[in-house]
Full PDB file with SEQRES, HELIX, SHEET, SSBOND, CRYST1, ORIGX, SCALE, CONECT and MASTER records, all heavy atoms in Angstrom:
SEQRES   1 A   35  ALA ARG THR ALA ILE GLU LYS ALA VAL ALA ALA ARG LEU          
SEQRES   2 A   35  SER VAL PRO PRO LYS ALA PRO ALA ALA THR ALA VAL PRO          
SEQRES   3 A   35  SER THR LEU THR VAL ARG TRP GLN SER                          
HELIX    1 AA1 ARG A    2  LEU A   13  1                                  12    
CRYST1    1.000    1.000    1.000  90.00  90.00  90.00 P 1           1          
ORIGX1      1.000000  0.000000  0.000000        0.00000                         
ORIGX2      0.000000  1.000000  0.000000        0.00000                         
ORIGX3      0.000000  0.000000  1.000000        0.00000                         
SCALE1      1.000000  0.000000  0.000000        0.00000                         
SCALE2      0.000000  1.000000  0.000000        0.00000                         
SCALE3      0.000000  0.000000  1.000000        0.00000                         
ATOM      1  N   ALA A   1     -57.152  15.122 109.463  1.00  0.00           N  
ATOM      2  CA  ALA A   1     -56.067  15.835 110.118  1.00  0.00           C  
ATOM      3  C   ALA A   1     -55.623  15.117 111.387  1.00  0.00           C  
ATOM      4  O   ALA A   1     -54.422  14.961 111.644  1.00  0.00           O  
ATOM      5  CB  ALA A   1     -56.499  17.261 110.437  1.00  0.00           C  
ATOM      6  N   ARG A   2     -56.570  14.669 112.181  1.00  0.00           N  
ATOM      7  CA  ARG A   2     -56.207  14.006 113.441  1.00  0.00           C  
ATOM      8  C   ARG A   2     -55.587  12.644 113.217  1.00  0.00           C  
ATOM      9  O   ARG A   2     -54.682  12.238 113.955  1.00  0.00           O  
ATOM     10  CB  ARG A   2     -57.436  13.946 114.341  1.00  0.00           C  
ATOM     11  CG  ARG A   2     -57.745  15.321 114.912  1.00  0.00           C  
ATOM     12  CD  ARG A   2     -59.146  15.495 115.358  1.00  0.00           C  
ATOM     13  NE  ARG A   2     -59.372  16.910 115.668  1.00  0.00           N  
ATOM     14  CZ  ARG A   2     -60.552  17.492 115.637  1.00  0.00           C  
ATOM     15  NH1 ARG A   2     -61.625  16.798 115.288  1.00  0.00           N  
ATOM     16  NH2 ARG A   2     -60.670  18.777 115.929  1.00  0.00           N  
ATOM     17  N   THR A   3     -56.041  11.952 112.199  1.00  0.00           N  
ATOM     18  CA  THR A   3     -55.399  10.689 111.850  1.00  0.00           C  
ATOM     19  C   THR A   3     -53.959  10.937 111.426  1.00  0.00           C  
ATOM     20  O   THR A   3     -53.046  10.189 111.792  1.00  0.00           O  
ATOM     21  CB  THR A   3     -56.171   9.985 110.725  1.00  0.00           C  
ATOM     22  OG1 THR A   3     -57.487   9.660 111.188  1.00  0.00           O  
ATOM     23  CG2 THR A   3     -55.466   8.704 110.302  1.00  0.00           C  
ATOM     24  N   ALA A   4     -53.742  12.014 110.670  1.00  0.00           N  
ATOM     25  CA  ALA A   4     -52.393  12.359 110.235  1.00  0.00           C  
ATOM     26  C   ALA A   4     -51.495  12.689 111.425  1.00  0.00           C  
ATOM     27  O   ALA A   4     -50.320  12.296 111.462  1.00  0.00           O  
ATOM     28  CB  ALA A   4     -52.439  13.535 109.260  1.00  0.00           C  
ATOM     29  N   ILE A   5     -52.037  13.421 112.403  1.00  0.00           N  
ATOM     30  CA  ILE A   5     -51.266  13.745 113.611  1.00  0.00           C  
ATOM     31  C   ILE A   5     -50.867  12.468 114.346  1.00  0.00           C  
ATOM     32  O   ILE A   5     -49.701  12.262 114.702  1.00  0.00           O  
ATOM     33  CB  ILE A   5     -52.070  14.660 114.544  1.00  0.00           C  
ATOM     34  CG1 ILE A   5     -52.265  16.047 113.916  1.00  0.00           C  
ATOM     35  CG2 ILE A   5     -51.368  14.802 115.903  1.00  0.00           C  
ATOM     36  CD1 ILE A   5     -53.226  16.942 114.675  1.00  0.00           C  
ATOM     37  N   GLU A   6     -51.843  11.605 114.579  1.00  0.00           N  
ATOM     38  CA  GLU A   6     -51.588  10.370 115.316  1.00  0.00           C  
ATOM     39  C   GLU A   6     -50.533   9.511 114.627  1.00  0.00           C  
ATOM     40  O   GLU A   6     -49.584   9.021 115.260  1.00  0.00           O  
ATOM     41  CB  GLU A   6     -52.893   9.586 115.475  1.00  0.00           C  
ATOM     42  CG  GLU A   6     -52.745   8.312 116.270  1.00  0.00           C  
ATOM     43  CD  GLU A   6     -54.070   7.596 116.501  1.00  0.00           C  
ATOM     44  OE1 GLU A   6     -55.132   8.200 116.221  1.00  0.00           O  
ATOM     45  OE2 GLU A   6     -54.044   6.434 116.945  1.00  0.00           O  
ATOM     46  N   LYS A   7     -50.674   9.334 113.323  1.00  0.00           N  
ATOM     47  CA  LYS A   7     -49.732   8.492 112.586  1.00  0.00           C  
ATOM     48  C   LYS A   7     -48.340   9.113 112.547  1.00  0.00           C  
ATOM     49  O   LYS A   7     -47.326   8.410 112.675  1.00  0.00           O  
ATOM     50  CB  LYS A   7     -50.249   8.264 111.164  1.00  0.00           C  
ATOM     51  CG  LYS A   7     -51.463   7.339 111.094  1.00  0.00           C  
ATOM     52  CD  LYS A   7     -51.882   7.098 109.644  1.00  0.00           C  
ATOM     53  CE  LYS A   7     -53.022   6.091 109.562  1.00  0.00           C  
ATOM     54  NZ  LYS A   7     -53.445   5.852 108.156  1.00  0.00           N  
ATOM     55  N   ALA A   8     -48.273  10.426 112.364  1.00  0.00           N  
ATOM     56  CA  ALA A   8     -46.971  11.089 112.291  1.00  0.00           C  
ATOM     57  C   ALA A   8     -46.227  10.994 113.619  1.00  0.00           C  
ATOM     58  O   ALA A   8     -45.016  10.735 113.653  1.00  0.00           O  
ATOM     59  CB  ALA A   8     -47.153  12.548 111.888  1.00  0.00           C  
ATOM     60  N   VAL A   9     -46.939  11.214 114.719  1.00  0.00           N  
ATOM     61  CA  VAL A   9     -46.310  11.127 116.039  1.00  0.00           C  
ATOM     62  C   VAL A   9     -45.846   9.700 116.309  1.00  0.00           C  
ATOM     63  O   VAL A   9     -44.715   9.475 116.772  1.00  0.00           O  
ATOM     64  CB  VAL A   9     -47.274  11.615 117.134  1.00  0.00           C  
ATOM     65  CG1 VAL A   9     -46.724  11.290 118.524  1.00  0.00           C  
ATOM     66  CG2 VAL A   9     -47.520  13.111 117.006  1.00  0.00           C  
ATOM     67  N   ALA A  10     -46.699   8.727 116.032  1.00  0.00           N  
ATOM     68  CA  ALA A  10     -46.336   7.327 116.268  1.00  0.00           C  
ATOM     69  C   ALA A  10     -45.108   6.935 115.464  1.00  0.00           C  
ATOM     70  O   ALA A  10     -44.183   6.285 115.980  1.00  0.00           O  
ATOM     71  CB  ALA A  10     -47.509   6.419 115.930  1.00  0.00           C  
ATOM     72  N   ALA A  11     -45.070   7.353 114.201  1.00  0.00           N  
ATOM     73  CA  ALA A  11     -43.935   7.003 113.351  1.00  0.00           C  
ATOM     74  C   ALA A  11     -42.659   7.694 113.817  1.00  0.00           C  
ATOM     75  O   ALA A  11     -41.586   7.080 113.864  1.00  0.00           O  
ATOM     76  CB  ALA A  11     -44.242   7.375 111.908  1.00  0.00           C  
ATOM     77  N   ARG A  12     -42.757   8.964 114.177  1.00  0.00           N  
ATOM     78  CA  ARG A  12     -41.558   9.714 114.576  1.00  0.00           C  
ATOM     79  C   ARG A  12     -40.993   9.205 115.892  1.00  0.00           C  
ATOM     80  O   ARG A  12     -39.767   9.165 116.078  1.00  0.00           O  
ATOM     81  CB  ARG A  12     -41.896  11.206 114.709  1.00  0.00           C  
ATOM     82  CG  ARG A  12     -40.682  12.075 114.995  1.00  0.00           C  
ATOM     83  CD  ARG A  12     -39.761  12.097 113.794  1.00  0.00           C  
ATOM     84  NE  ARG A  12     -38.559  12.868 114.022  1.00  0.00           N  
ATOM     85  CZ  ARG A  12     -37.414  12.389 114.506  1.00  0.00           C  
ATOM     86  NH1 ARG A  12     -37.348  11.093 114.820  1.00  0.00           N  
ATOM     87  NH2 ARG A  12     -36.353  13.137 114.678  1.00  0.00           N  
ATOM     88  N   LEU A  13     -41.856   8.801 116.811  1.00  0.00           N  
ATOM     89  CA  LEU A  13     -41.392   8.356 118.123  1.00  0.00           C  
ATOM     90  C   LEU A  13     -41.043   6.878 118.168  1.00  0.00           C  
ATOM     91  O   LEU A  13     -40.521   6.400 119.175  1.00  0.00           O  
ATOM     92  CB  LEU A  13     -42.445   8.665 119.192  1.00  0.00           C  
ATOM     93  CG  LEU A  13     -42.734  10.149 119.447  1.00  0.00           C  
ATOM     94  CD1 LEU A  13     -43.786  10.296 120.536  1.00  0.00           C  
ATOM     95  CD2 LEU A  13     -41.463  10.908 119.827  1.00  0.00           C  
ATOM     96  N   SER A  14     -41.345   6.161 117.103  1.00  0.00           N  
ATOM     97  CA  SER A  14     -41.015   4.734 117.090  1.00  0.00           C  
ATOM     98  C   SER A  14     -39.502   4.536 117.198  1.00  0.00           C  
ATOM     99  O   SER A  14     -39.024   3.532 117.745  1.00  0.00           O  
ATOM    100  CB  SER A  14     -41.533   4.078 115.809  1.00  0.00           C  
ATOM    101  OG  SER A  14     -40.930   4.657 114.657  1.00  0.00           O  
ATOM    102  N   VAL A  15     -38.736   5.488 116.700  1.00  0.00           N  
ATOM    103  CA  VAL A  15     -37.289   5.562 116.921  1.00  0.00           C  
ATOM    104  C   VAL A  15     -37.042   6.935 117.541  1.00  0.00           C  
ATOM    105  O   VAL A  15     -36.959   7.930 116.811  1.00  0.00           O  
ATOM    106  CB  VAL A  15     -36.487   5.402 115.625  1.00  0.00           C  
ATOM    107  CG1 VAL A  15     -34.994   5.491 115.917  1.00  0.00           C  
ATOM    108  CG2 VAL A  15     -36.819   4.089 114.940  1.00  0.00           C  
ATOM    109  N   PRO A  16     -36.986   7.038 118.862  1.00  0.00           N  
ATOM    110  CA  PRO A  16     -36.894   8.343 119.510  1.00  0.00           C  
ATOM    111  C   PRO A  16     -35.759   9.185 118.946  1.00  0.00           C  
ATOM    112  O   PRO A  16     -34.661   8.683 118.690  1.00  0.00           O  
ATOM    113  CB  PRO A  16     -36.624   7.987 120.983  1.00  0.00           C  
ATOM    114  CG  PRO A  16     -37.236   6.631 121.141  1.00  0.00           C  
ATOM    115  CD  PRO A  16     -36.994   5.935 119.829  1.00  0.00           C  
ATOM    116  N   PRO A  17     -36.022  10.467 118.688  1.00  0.00           N  
ATOM    117  CA  PRO A  17     -34.985  11.340 118.128  1.00  0.00           C  
ATOM    118  C   PRO A  17     -33.816  11.505 119.089  1.00  0.00           C  
ATOM    119  O   PRO A  17     -33.975  11.421 120.307  1.00  0.00           O  
ATOM    120  CB  PRO A  17     -35.721  12.664 117.898  1.00  0.00           C  
ATOM    121  CG  PRO A  17     -36.899  12.616 118.817  1.00  0.00           C  
ATOM    122  CD  PRO A  17     -37.296  11.179 118.915  1.00  0.00           C  
ATOM    123  N   LYS A  18     -32.660  11.726 118.530  1.00  0.00           N  
ATOM    124  CA  LYS A  18     -31.450  11.896 119.329  1.00  0.00           C  
ATOM    125  C   LYS A  18     -31.516  13.201 120.104  1.00  0.00           C  
ATOM    126  O   LYS A  18     -31.850  14.250 119.556  1.00  0.00           O  
ATOM    127  CB  LYS A  18     -30.217  11.887 118.428  1.00  0.00           C  
ATOM    128  CG  LYS A  18     -28.904  11.998 119.180  1.00  0.00           C  
ATOM    129  CD  LYS A  18     -27.720  11.962 118.221  1.00  0.00           C  
ATOM    130  CE  LYS A  18     -26.398  12.092 118.978  1.00  0.00           C  
ATOM    131  NZ  LYS A  18     -25.238  12.070 118.052  1.00  0.00           N  
ATOM    132  N   ALA A  19     -31.192  13.123 121.384  1.00  0.00           N  
ATOM    133  CA  ALA A  19     -31.246  14.316 122.226  1.00  0.00           C  
ATOM    134  C   ALA A  19     -30.085  15.241 121.915  1.00  0.00           C  
ATOM    135  O   ALA A  19     -28.940  14.781 121.812  1.00  0.00           O  
ATOM    136  CB  ALA A  19     -31.220  13.924 123.695  1.00  0.00           C  
ATOM    137  N   PRO A  20     -30.349  16.535 121.755  1.00  0.00           N  
ATOM    138  CA  PRO A  20     -29.240  17.481 121.587  1.00  0.00           C  
ATOM    139  C   PRO A  20     -28.499  17.634 122.902  1.00  0.00           C  
ATOM    140  O   PRO A  20     -29.065  17.382 123.982  1.00  0.00           O  
ATOM    141  CB  PRO A  20     -29.952  18.779 121.196  1.00  0.00           C  
ATOM    142  CG  PRO A  20     -31.313  18.657 121.801  1.00  0.00           C  
ATOM    143  CD  PRO A  20     -31.657  17.197 121.766  1.00  0.00           C  
ATOM    144  N   ALA A  21     -27.261  18.020 122.838  1.00  0.00           N  
ATOM    145  CA  ALA A  21     -26.499  18.260 124.055  1.00  0.00           C  
ATOM    146  C   ALA A  21     -27.003  19.535 124.725  1.00  0.00           C  
ATOM    147  O   ALA A  21     -27.092  20.587 124.086  1.00  0.00           O  
ATOM    148  CB  ALA A  21     -25.011  18.383 123.729  1.00  0.00           C  
ATOM    149  N   ALA A  22     -27.364  19.432 126.013  1.00  0.00           N  
ATOM    150  CA  ALA A  22     -27.794  20.617 126.740  1.00  0.00           C  
ATOM    151  C   ALA A  22     -26.652  21.631 126.760  1.00  0.00           C  
ATOM    152  O   ALA A  22     -25.485  21.268 126.946  1.00  0.00           O  
ATOM    153  CB  ALA A  22     -28.202  20.245 128.158  1.00  0.00           C  
ATOM    154  N   THR A  23     -26.986  22.893 126.536  1.00  0.00           N  
ATOM    155  CA  THR A  23     -25.953  23.917 126.430  1.00  0.00           C  
ATOM    156  C   THR A  23     -26.226  25.081 127.372  1.00  0.00           C  
ATOM    157  O   THR A  23     -27.350  25.269 127.849  1.00  0.00           O  
ATOM    158  CB  THR A  23     -25.881  24.472 124.997  1.00  0.00           C  
ATOM    159  OG1 THR A  23     -27.122  25.114 124.682  1.00  0.00           O  
ATOM    160  CG2 THR A  23     -25.607  23.366 123.998  1.00  0.00           C  
ATOM    161  N   ALA A  24     -25.168  25.845 127.628  1.00  0.00           N  
ATOM    162  CA  ALA A  24     -25.303  27.072 128.412  1.00  0.00           C  
ATOM    163  C   ALA A  24     -24.608  28.213 127.680  1.00  0.00           C  
ATOM    164  O   ALA A  24     -24.016  29.099 128.286  1.00  0.00           O  
ATOM    165  CB  ALA A  24     -24.715  26.874 129.809  1.00  0.00           C  
ATOM    166  N   VAL A  25     -24.674  28.174 126.345  1.00  0.00           N  
ATOM    167  CA  VAL A  25     -24.028  29.189 125.512  1.00  0.00           C  
ATOM    168  C   VAL A  25     -24.875  30.464 125.513  1.00  0.00           C  
ATOM    169  O   VAL A  25     -26.088  30.400 125.260  1.00  0.00           O  
ATOM    170  CB  VAL A  25     -23.844  28.673 124.074  1.00  0.00           C  
ATOM    171  CG1 VAL A  25     -23.221  29.747 123.203  1.00  0.00           C  
ATOM    172  CG2 VAL A  25     -22.998  27.408 124.078  1.00  0.00           C  
ATOM    173  N   PRO A  26     -24.297  31.619 125.794  1.00  0.00           N  
ATOM    174  CA  PRO A  26     -25.078  32.863 125.802  1.00  0.00           C  
ATOM    175  C   PRO A  26     -25.693  33.167 124.437  1.00  0.00           C  
ATOM    176  O   PRO A  26     -25.071  32.946 123.398  1.00  0.00           O  
ATOM    177  CB  PRO A  26     -24.049  33.922 126.192  1.00  0.00           C  
ATOM    178  CG  PRO A  26     -22.968  33.176 126.880  1.00  0.00           C  
ATOM    179  CD  PRO A  26     -22.903  31.843 126.199  1.00  0.00           C  
ATOM    180  N   SER A  27     -26.915  33.631 124.455  1.00  0.00           N  
ATOM    181  CA  SER A  27     -27.610  34.078 123.256  1.00  0.00           C  
ATOM    182  C   SER A  27     -28.072  35.509 123.477  1.00  0.00           C  
ATOM    183  O   SER A  27     -28.113  35.998 124.616  1.00  0.00           O  
ATOM    184  CB  SER A  27     -28.815  33.187 122.954  1.00  0.00           C  
ATOM    185  OG  SER A  27     -28.410  31.892 122.581  1.00  0.00           O  
ATOM    186  N   THR A  28     -28.445  36.166 122.376  1.00  0.00           N  
ATOM    187  CA  THR A  28     -28.987  37.518 122.463  1.00  0.00           C  
ATOM    188  C   THR A  28     -30.416  37.504 121.943  1.00  0.00           C  
ATOM    189  O   THR A  28     -30.664  37.087 120.807  1.00  0.00           O  
ATOM    190  CB  THR A  28     -28.152  38.514 121.639  1.00  0.00           C  
ATOM    191  OG1 THR A  28     -26.815  38.533 122.140  1.00  0.00           O  
ATOM    192  CG2 THR A  28     -28.746  39.922 121.736  1.00  0.00           C  
ATOM    193  N   LEU A  29     -31.347  37.933 122.778  1.00  0.00           N  
ATOM    194  CA  LEU A  29     -32.750  38.051 122.380  1.00  0.00           C  
ATOM    195  C   LEU A  29     -33.087  39.522 122.221  1.00  0.00           C  
ATOM    196  O   LEU A  29     -32.858  40.320 123.137  1.00  0.00           O  
ATOM    197  CB  LEU A  29     -33.666  37.414 123.425  1.00  0.00           C  
ATOM    198  CG  LEU A  29     -35.163  37.474 123.121  1.00  0.00           C  
ATOM    199  CD1 LEU A  29     -35.502  36.656 121.873  1.00  0.00           C  
ATOM    200  CD2 LEU A  29     -35.985  36.988 124.310  1.00  0.00           C  
ATOM    201  N   THR A  30     -33.618  39.874 121.061  1.00  0.00           N  
ATOM    202  CA  THR A  30     -33.992  41.254 120.760  1.00  0.00           C  
ATOM    203  C   THR A  30     -35.476  41.297 120.422  1.00  0.00           C  
ATOM    204  O   THR A  30     -35.964  40.469 119.648  1.00  0.00           O  
ATOM    205  CB  THR A  30     -33.181  41.792 119.565  1.00  0.00           C  
ATOM    206  OG1 THR A  30     -31.789  41.630 119.829  1.00  0.00           O  
ATOM    207  CG2 THR A  30     -33.494  43.256 119.311  1.00  0.00           C  
ATOM    208  N   VAL A  31     -36.205  42.231 121.013  1.00  0.00           N  
ATOM    209  CA  VAL A  31     -37.648  42.339 120.797  1.00  0.00           C  
ATOM    210  C   VAL A  31     -38.006  43.783 120.468  1.00  0.00           C  
ATOM    211  O   VAL A  31     -37.615  44.715 121.186  1.00  0.00           O  
ATOM    212  CB  VAL A  31     -38.446  41.884 122.041  1.00  0.00           C  
ATOM    213  CG1 VAL A  31     -39.944  42.044 121.788  1.00  0.00           C  
ATOM    214  CG2 VAL A  31     -38.111  40.445 122.398  1.00  0.00           C  
ATOM    215  N   ARG A  32     -38.733  43.947 119.369  1.00  0.00           N  
ATOM    216  CA  ARG A  32     -39.251  45.269 118.985  1.00  0.00           C  
ATOM    217  C   ARG A  32     -40.725  45.325 119.348  1.00  0.00           C  
ATOM    218  O   ARG A  32     -41.531  44.533 118.854  1.00  0.00           O  
ATOM    219  CB  ARG A  32     -39.062  45.520 117.498  1.00  0.00           C  
ATOM    220  CG  ARG A  32     -39.541  46.909 117.043  1.00  0.00           C  
ATOM    221  CD  ARG A  32     -39.144  47.178 115.600  1.00  0.00           C  
ATOM    222  NE  ARG A  32     -39.596  48.480 115.137  1.00  0.00           N  
ATOM    223  CZ  ARG A  32     -38.961  49.630 115.375  1.00  0.00           C  
ATOM    224  NH1 ARG A  32     -37.855  49.637 116.088  1.00  0.00           N  
ATOM    225  NH2 ARG A  32     -39.425  50.768 114.905  1.00  0.00           N  
ATOM    226  N   TRP A  33     -41.076  46.267 120.222  1.00  0.00           N  
ATOM    227  CA  TRP A  33     -42.432  46.401 120.732  1.00  0.00           C  
ATOM    228  C   TRP A  33     -43.219  47.433 119.936  1.00  0.00           C  
ATOM    229  O   TRP A  33     -42.642  48.366 119.347  1.00  0.00           O  
ATOM    230  CB  TRP A  33     -42.403  46.808 122.202  1.00  0.00           C  
ATOM    231  CG  TRP A  33     -41.662  45.844 123.065  1.00  0.00           C  
ATOM    232  CD1 TRP A  33     -40.325  45.847 123.335  1.00  0.00           C  
ATOM    233  CD2 TRP A  33     -42.212  44.716 123.741  1.00  0.00           C  
ATOM    234  NE1 TRP A  33     -40.009  44.784 124.140  1.00  0.00           N  
ATOM    235  CE2 TRP A  33     -41.139  44.075 124.408  1.00  0.00           C  
ATOM    236  CE3 TRP A  33     -43.495  44.179 123.862  1.00  0.00           C  
ATOM    237  CZ2 TRP A  33     -41.322  42.926 125.173  1.00  0.00           C  
ATOM    238  CZ3 TRP A  33     -43.681  43.045 124.625  1.00  0.00           C  
ATOM    239  CH2 TRP A  33     -42.604  42.425 125.262  1.00  0.00           C  
ATOM    240  N   GLN A  34     -44.512  47.316 119.957  1.00  0.00           N  
ATOM    241  CA  GLN A  34     -45.370  48.336 119.344  1.00  0.00           C  
ATOM    242  C   GLN A  34     -45.304  49.626 120.146  1.00  0.00           C  
ATOM    243  O   GLN A  34     -45.408  50.717 119.589  1.00  0.00           O  
ATOM    244  CB  GLN A  34     -46.807  47.814 119.261  1.00  0.00           C  
ATOM    245  CG  GLN A  34     -47.774  48.701 118.507  1.00  0.00           C  
ATOM    246  CD  GLN A  34     -48.379  49.793 119.372  1.00  0.00           C  
ATOM    247  OE1 GLN A  34     -48.467  49.660 120.591  1.00  0.00           O  
ATOM    248  NE2 GLN A  34     -48.796  50.880 118.734  1.00  0.00           N  
ATOM    249  N   SER A  35     -45.098  49.497 121.448  1.00  0.00           N  
ATOM    250  CA  SER A  35     -45.155  50.653 122.347  1.00  0.00           C  
ATOM    251  C   SER A  35     -43.777  51.020 122.870  1.00  0.00           C  
ATOM    252  O   SER A  35     -43.064  50.183 123.441  1.00  0.00           O  
ATOM    253  CB  SER A  35     -46.080  50.337 123.532  1.00  0.00           C  
ATOM    254  OG  SER A  35     -45.962  51.311 124.540  1.00  0.00           O  
TER     255      SER A  35                                                      
MASTER        0    0    0    1    0    0    0    6  254    1    0    3          
END                                                                             
C-alpha cells in the first residue's frame, strides 16, 4: 500500500496538475444534525 502511495504521488506530481481558477461564487451548505 505504501509503495503504491509513493509511486502514485510521484507520477501525478511529475506533471503538476493545472490550478483551478480561485473563485468567490456563493454556495449553499446544508447540514442535517442528529440533535
